[in-house]
Amino acid sequence: HVIMDVQGWFREQWGLVCERFPSARASGQLDRLEKMFRVLGGDITPDAFNPAPLQAPYSFFLPGLHATPFHDDVAKNAPWARALEENFPVILEELTQVMQRTDTTFEEYIGDGLQEDKGPMTDCRGDWRVLYFYHNFVRQDKSCDACPRTAALLDTLPSMLHGMVCFSAIDPGTHIVPHYGPSNMRLTAHLGLLNCKNVEVTVGAQTRCYEDGKIIVFDDSFRHEVWHKGDKRRVTLMLDVWHPDLTQVETEAFGMVMANSHGTIDTDEFYHSLHIYSEKKKKQNDADRHTISAATSRKDGSGGDDDDFPNDSALRKRMLLNFLFSLKDK
């Protein structure tokens, strides 16, 4: 497989962003994006960030965004959310039709990266399958043609990433295991379509129930899991939207970088390289931890488990953040 020089690539991309958006860079509009790219490029360590408890995106963390597990204000007030709820009957009708077709099938949801990067998304109970309208920013024409009114509606929605949009189906008894999304720059939205009663999603330390015809919006960079306690297959329309705190120039700049990644390397190879990079960071963090622990033991003459965590608050913060960023790899 192709393994990218991830740090070098991100340093190069930041240079391209600065060339493309010079006035925004000069006026400070890209300051927090610059901080993220400096971490990705290896110039500064993740202790520059302050993720919320149980928040650990495995690829991209933009500092300064409002961090909360559920975004009820977005679900209630965003124009795209209202448009989806208003068109619930149309979307449900096309879902019902496509589920009866033999030439359009749902596939197992397996996440980003190569097969070696992907663990099971369920704990051997039930099943999670999807029908993509967009996958890795690529329009899936067959699905869109099978659901033309839904596809046309999706193409009109503001704030859409068009990175991942799908019908998401889980069988009764399914437990989608705790996991983290790749970035806090996006939010995940679900429009309940079919049999949502008795299906719960826990994000961070908060639990909500899906509802047919209603939008639920959460930040999947928080630890999250789903329990299907009902007796019929549940289906939602799942899609990514930009975090509302992002500015237009930030979305344009980051969108340019993601487009460049698709033109440079296969998308799964790209995420595989990020996984490799993350594993290397984890090993370095473990090495730093042992070095700090040994230094602390020598300093106070003690030993044992307490020495595994230093007393200095800055070091404690750094180690906690490194631990959070490495959780995806465990």
Protein backbone atom coordinates (compact mmCIF):
# COMPACT_ATOMS: atom_id res chain seq x y z
CA HIS A 1 0.00 0.00 0.00
CA VAL A 2 1.01 3.62 -0.55
CA ILE A 3 2.01 5.28 2.74
CA MET A 4 2.02 9.05 2.65
CA ASP A 5 4.45 11.33 4.42
CA VAL A 6 1.49 12.70 6.35
CA GLN A 7 3.31 15.49 8.16
CA GLY A 8 5.06 16.68 5.02
CA TRP A 9 1.84 16.55 3.03
CA PHE A 10 -0.06 18.68 5.54
CA ARG A 11 2.78 21.23 5.69
CA GLU A 12 2.61 21.44 1.90
CA GLN A 13 -1.16 21.84 1.97
CA TRP A 14 -0.97 24.66 4.49
CA GLY A 15 1.38 26.47 2.12
CA LEU A 16 -1.19 26.07 -0.65
CA VAL A 17 -3.95 27.40 1.61
CA CYS A 18 -1.86 30.49 2.37
CA GLU A 19 -1.31 31.07 -1.35
CA ARG A 20 -5.01 30.64 -2.13
CA PHE A 21 -6.34 32.81 0.74
CA PRO A 22 -3.67 35.49 1.41
CA SER A 23 -6.00 38.19 2.71
CA ALA A 24 -7.80 35.81 5.08
CA ARG A 25 -4.45 34.61 6.39
CA ALA A 26 -3.20 38.17 6.89
CA SER A 27 -6.37 39.22 8.73
CA GLY A 28 -6.26 36.27 11.14
CA GLN A 29 -9.33 34.49 9.72
CA LEU A 30 -7.34 31.27 9.34
CA ASP A 31 -5.60 31.33 12.73
CA ARG A 32 -7.32 28.31 14.22
CA LEU A 33 -7.03 26.38 10.96
CA GLU A 34 -3.31 27.17 11.01
CA LYS A 35 -3.03 25.74 14.52
CA MET A 36 -4.67 22.51 13.38
CA PHE A 37 -2.35 22.23 10.39
CA ARG A 38 0.70 22.91 12.56
CA VAL A 39 -0.27 19.95 14.73
CA LEU A 40 -0.91 17.79 11.65
CA GLY A 41 2.45 18.88 10.26
CA GLY A 42 4.26 18.00 13.48
CA ASP A 43 5.31 21.57 14.31
CA ILE A 44 3.42 21.70 17.62
CA THR A 45 2.01 19.00 19.91
CA PRO A 46 -1.69 18.30 20.59
CA ASP A 47 -1.43 19.93 24.02
CA ALA A 48 -2.26 23.14 22.15
CA PHE A 49 -5.82 21.79 22.04
CA ASN A 50 -8.45 21.44 24.74
CA PRO A 51 -10.94 18.76 23.70
CA ALA A 52 -14.00 18.24 25.85
CA PRO A 53 -14.31 15.12 28.02
CA LEU A 54 -15.00 12.05 25.87
CA GLN A 55 -14.13 13.96 22.69
CA ALA A 56 -11.30 12.51 20.59
CA PRO A 57 -11.51 12.93 16.79
CA TYR A 58 -8.94 10.68 15.18
CA SER A 59 -7.97 12.90 12.24
CA PHE A 60 -8.86 16.60 12.42
CA PHE A 61 -9.44 18.73 15.53
CA LEU A 62 -10.12 22.44 15.02
CA PRO A 63 -9.77 24.44 18.25
CA GLY A 64 -12.35 27.01 19.24
CA LEU A 65 -15.51 25.23 18.08
CA HIS A 66 -18.43 24.90 20.48
CA ALA A 67 -18.17 21.37 21.86
CA THR A 68 -21.32 19.61 23.00
CA PRO A 69 -22.52 16.05 22.32
CA PHE A 70 -25.92 17.06 20.91
CA HIS A 71 -26.72 20.21 18.91
CA ASP A 72 -30.43 20.64 19.57
CA ASP A 73 -30.36 24.26 18.40
CA VAL A 74 -29.15 23.13 14.96
CA ALA A 75 -31.78 20.39 14.75
CA LYS A 76 -34.49 22.90 15.67
CA ASN A 77 -33.45 25.98 13.70
CA ALA A 78 -31.20 25.08 10.74
CA PRO A 79 -32.96 25.58 7.37
CA TRP A 80 -31.61 22.28 6.02
CA ALA A 81 -33.03 20.43 9.04
CA ARG A 82 -36.45 21.98 8.48
CA ALA A 83 -36.31 21.07 4.80
CA LEU A 84 -35.56 17.43 5.58
CA GLU A 85 -38.35 17.13 8.14
CA GLU A 86 -40.83 18.79 5.78
CA ASN A 87 -39.89 16.27 3.08
CA PHE A 88 -40.04 13.26 5.39
CA PRO A 89 -43.01 11.67 3.52
CA VAL A 90 -41.21 11.93 0.17
CA ILE A 91 -37.97 10.45 1.51
CA LEU A 92 -39.83 7.64 3.31
CA GLU A 93 -41.75 6.80 0.13
CA GLU A 94 -38.53 6.47 -1.88
CA LEU A 95 -36.89 4.44 0.90
CA THR A 96 -39.83 2.03 0.89
CA GLN A 97 -39.57 1.65 -2.88
CA VAL A 98 -35.80 1.12 -2.90
CA MET A 99 -36.02 -1.53 -0.16
CA GLN A 100 -38.29 -3.56 -2.46
CA ARG A 101 -35.88 -3.42 -5.40
CA THR A 102 -33.49 -6.26 -6.14
CA ASP A 103 -30.97 -4.17 -8.09
CA THR A 104 -30.18 -1.76 -5.24
CA THR A 105 -28.74 -3.30 -2.09
CA PHE A 106 -27.55 -2.08 1.27
CA GLU A 107 -23.91 -2.82 2.14
CA GLU A 108 -22.14 -3.34 5.44
CA TYR A 109 -20.87 -0.13 7.02
CA ILE A 110 -17.11 -0.48 7.50
CA GLY A 111 -15.72 3.02 8.06
CA ASP A 112 -12.56 4.70 6.72
CA GLY A 113 -9.19 3.30 5.71
CA LEU A 114 -8.05 -0.10 4.49
CA GLN A 115 -9.40 -3.40 5.80
CA GLU A 116 -6.54 -3.72 8.29
CA ASP A 117 -7.59 -0.42 9.90
CA LYS A 118 -11.21 -1.39 10.40
CA GLY A 119 -12.56 -3.16 13.42
CA PRO A 120 -16.10 -4.51 13.69
CA MET A 121 -18.69 -1.77 14.18
CA THR A 122 -21.10 -4.09 16.04
CA ASP A 123 -20.43 -6.53 18.87
CA CYS A 124 -21.62 -9.60 16.94
CA ARG A 125 -25.27 -8.78 17.65
CA GLY A 126 -27.38 -7.52 14.79
CA ASP A 127 -26.18 -5.76 11.67
CA TRP A 128 -25.49 -2.22 10.36
CA ARG A 129 -25.93 -1.61 6.63
CA VAL A 130 -26.06 1.50 4.46
CA LEU A 131 -27.11 2.68 1.01
CA TYR A 132 -24.87 5.57 0.00
CA PHE A 133 -25.95 8.69 -1.86
CA TYR A 134 -22.45 10.13 -1.34
CA HIS A 135 -19.42 8.19 -0.16
CA ASN A 136 -16.03 9.84 0.41
CA PHE A 137 -17.36 12.93 -1.40
CA VAL A 138 -18.25 10.88 -4.50
CA ARG A 139 -21.86 10.85 -5.71
CA GLN A 140 -23.29 7.33 -5.99
CA ASP A 141 -25.30 7.64 -9.16
CA LYS A 142 -27.15 4.32 -8.86
CA SER A 143 -28.63 5.18 -5.47
CA CYS A 144 -29.38 8.77 -6.49
CA ASP A 145 -31.16 7.57 -9.61
CA ALA A 146 -33.22 5.14 -7.53
CA CYS A 147 -34.31 7.98 -5.20
CA PRO A 148 -34.42 11.02 -7.51
CA ARG A 149 -36.49 13.34 -5.30
CA THR A 150 -34.36 12.63 -2.25
CA ALA A 151 -31.18 13.15 -4.27
CA ALA A 152 -32.49 16.43 -5.72
CA LEU A 153 -33.35 17.67 -2.23
CA LEU A 154 -29.89 16.79 -0.89
CA ASP A 155 -28.25 18.77 -3.67
CA THR A 156 -30.09 21.93 -2.58
CA LEU A 157 -29.25 21.84 1.13
CA PRO A 158 -26.85 24.45 2.55
CA SER A 159 -24.15 23.35 5.02
CA MET A 160 -23.92 19.90 3.42
CA LEU A 161 -20.45 18.38 3.13
CA HIS A 162 -21.57 15.72 0.65
CA GLY A 163 -18.82 13.61 2.17
CA MET A 164 -21.12 10.89 3.44
CA VAL A 165 -24.88 10.68 2.94
CA CYS A 166 -26.76 7.41 3.22
CA PHE A 167 -29.76 5.46 4.34
CA SER A 168 -28.56 3.81 7.56
CA ALA A 169 -30.26 0.55 8.57
CA ILE A 170 -29.70 -1.46 11.75
CA ASP A 171 -31.42 -4.69 12.71
CA PRO A 172 -33.13 -5.40 16.04
CA GLY A 173 -30.67 -6.27 18.79
CA THR A 174 -27.82 -4.38 17.14
CA HIS A 175 -25.29 -2.65 19.36
CA ILE A 176 -23.02 -0.28 17.43
CA VAL A 177 -19.94 -0.28 19.63
CA PRO A 178 -18.45 2.93 21.09
CA HIS A 179 -16.33 4.78 18.56
CA TYR A 180 -15.17 8.24 17.52
CA GLY A 181 -15.60 10.17 14.27
CA PRO A 182 -12.67 11.71 12.40
CA SER A 183 -13.28 15.43 13.01
CA ASN A 184 -15.05 18.01 15.16
CA MET A 185 -15.45 20.20 12.07
CA ARG A 186 -18.55 18.31 11.03
CA LEU A 187 -21.76 17.26 12.74
CA THR A 188 -23.73 14.10 12.06
CA ALA A 189 -27.46 14.38 11.42
CA HIS A 190 -30.07 11.63 11.31
CA LEU A 191 -33.60 11.99 9.98
CA GLY A 192 -35.64 9.17 11.50
CA LEU A 193 -37.46 7.31 8.74
CA LEU A 194 -38.62 3.88 9.81
CA ASN A 195 -39.07 2.03 13.13
CA CYS A 196 -37.06 4.45 15.27
CA LYS A 197 -38.94 3.66 18.49
CA ASN A 198 -36.74 2.03 21.15
CA VAL A 199 -33.47 2.90 19.41
CA GLU A 200 -31.05 4.94 21.54
CA VAL A 201 -27.84 6.81 20.74
CA THR A 202 -25.41 7.75 23.50
CA VAL A 203 -23.01 10.60 22.70
CA GLY A 204 -20.52 11.51 25.38
CA ALA A 205 -22.53 10.97 28.56
CA GLN A 206 -25.93 11.88 27.08
CA THR A 207 -28.53 9.50 25.63
CA ARG A 208 -31.35 10.33 23.20
CA CYS A 209 -33.94 8.32 21.26
CA TYR A 210 -34.45 8.52 17.51
CA GLU A 211 -37.92 9.51 16.28
CA ASP A 212 -39.60 8.90 12.93
CA GLY A 213 -39.84 12.18 11.02
CA LYS A 214 -37.51 14.07 13.36
CA ILE A 215 -33.93 15.29 13.02
CA ILE A 216 -31.28 14.54 15.62
CA VAL A 217 -27.86 16.23 15.36
CA PHE A 218 -24.74 15.25 17.29
CA ASP A 219 -20.98 15.72 17.23
CA ASP A 220 -19.54 12.32 16.37
CA SER A 221 -16.05 13.35 17.47
CA PHE A 222 -17.44 12.46 20.92
CA ARG A 223 -17.50 8.82 21.95
CA HIS A 224 -20.83 7.44 20.73
CA GLU A 225 -22.74 4.17 20.43
CA VAL A 226 -26.20 2.95 19.41
CA TRP A 227 -28.52 0.35 20.94
CA HIS A 228 -31.48 -1.05 18.98
CA LYS A 229 -33.92 -2.33 21.59
CA GLY A 230 -36.87 -2.57 19.22
CA ASP A 231 -38.13 -5.47 17.11
CA LYS A 232 -38.02 -4.08 13.54
CA ARG A 233 -35.27 -2.81 11.23
CA ARG A 234 -34.60 0.86 11.93
CA VAL A 235 -33.68 3.18 9.03
CA THR A 236 -32.55 6.81 9.09
CA LEU A 237 -31.14 9.22 6.55
CA MET A 238 -27.62 9.94 7.85
CA LEU A 239 -25.56 12.88 6.59
CA ASP A 240 -22.63 15.15 7.47
CA VAL A 241 -22.97 18.91 7.85
CA TRP A 242 -20.44 21.60 8.69
CA HIS A 243 -20.17 22.69 12.32
CA PRO A 244 -22.11 25.99 12.53
CA ASP A 245 -19.16 27.82 14.15
CA LEU A 246 -17.05 27.41 11.02
CA THR A 247 -16.66 30.43 8.76
CA GLN A 248 -17.06 30.31 5.02
CA VAL A 249 -13.35 30.81 4.39
CA GLU A 250 -12.53 27.96 6.80
CA THR A 251 -14.87 25.57 5.00
CA GLU A 252 -13.52 26.65 1.61
CA ALA A 253 -9.90 26.24 2.70
CA PHE A 254 -10.41 22.85 4.30
CA GLY A 255 -12.58 21.71 1.41
CA MET A 256 -9.73 22.57 -0.95
CA VAL A 257 -7.34 20.42 1.07
CA MET A 258 -9.72 17.46 1.09
CA ALA A 259 -10.20 17.80 -2.66
CA ASN A 260 -6.43 17.77 -3.05
CA SER A 261 -6.23 14.56 -1.02
CA HIS A 262 -8.66 12.87 -3.41
CA GLY A 263 -6.58 13.96 -6.37
CA THR A 264 -3.33 12.76 -4.82
CA ILE A 265 -4.14 9.35 -3.39
CA ASP A 266 -7.00 6.88 -3.08
CA THR A 267 -9.29 7.93 -0.22
CA ASP A 268 -8.89 4.68 1.72
CA GLU A 269 -5.10 4.88 1.28
CA PHE A 270 -5.23 8.44 2.61
CA TYR A 271 -7.09 7.43 5.76
CA HIS A 272 -4.82 4.39 6.11
CA SER A 273 -1.84 6.77 6.15
CA LEU A 274 -3.57 8.80 8.87
CA HIS A 275 -4.05 5.61 10.90
CA ILE A 276 -0.35 4.75 10.49
CA TYR A 277 0.60 8.27 11.51
CA SER A 278 -1.72 8.09 14.52
CA GLU A 279 -0.13 4.81 15.60
CA LYS A 280 3.34 6.34 15.38
CA LYS A 281 2.15 9.29 17.49
CA LYS A 282 0.74 6.85 20.05
CA LYS A 283 4.06 4.99 20.29
CA GLN A 284 5.93 8.26 20.72
CA ASN A 285 3.46 9.34 23.40
CA ASP A 286 4.01 6.03 25.20
CA ALA A 287 7.77 6.60 25.03
CA ASP A 288 7.31 10.12 26.43
CA ARG A 289 5.18 8.72 29.21
CA HIS A 290 7.83 6.23 30.28
CA THR A 291 10.53 8.91 30.14
CA ILE A 292 8.46 11.25 32.30
CA SER A 293 7.64 8.45 34.73
CA ALA A 294 11.30 7.48 35.11
CA ALA A 295 12.35 11.09 35.63
CA THR A 296 9.68 11.58 38.29
CA SER A 297 10.72 8.41 40.11
CA ARG A 298 14.36 9.49 40.19
CA LYS A 299 13.38 12.94 41.46
CA ASP A 300 11.29 11.92 44.47
CA GLY A 301 12.88 8.54 45.15
CA SER A 302 9.54 6.80 45.15
CA GLY A 303 8.17 4.25 42.78
CA GLY A 304 5.03 2.35 41.97
CA ASP A 305 1.91 3.26 40.07
CA ASP A 306 1.70 6.86 41.24
CA ASP A 307 4.87 7.66 39.33
CA ASP A 308 3.15 6.80 36.07
CA PHE A 309 1.46 10.19 36.16
CA PRO A 310 3.58 13.28 36.92
CA ASN A 311 2.54 15.98 39.35
CA ASP A 312 3.34 18.89 37.04
CA SER A 313 0.00 20.23 35.72
CA ALA A 314 1.30 21.01 32.23
CA LEU A 315 2.63 17.48 31.84
CA ARG A 316 -0.60 16.05 33.20
CA LYS A 317 -2.56 18.04 30.63
CA ARG A 318 -0.30 16.92 27.80
CA MET A 319 -0.55 13.27 28.74
CA LEU A 320 -4.33 13.44 29.11
CA LEU A 321 -4.69 15.00 25.67
CA ASN A 322 -2.33 12.49 24.10
CA PHE A 323 -4.36 9.71 25.69
CA LEU A 324 -7.60 11.12 24.30
CA PHE A 325 -6.14 11.42 20.81
CA SER A 326 -4.88 7.83 20.95
CA LEU A 327 -8.15 6.22 22.08
CA LYS A 328 -9.18 5.45 18.49
CA ASP A 329 -6.18 3.15 18.12
CA LYS A 330 -6.98 0.98 21.14
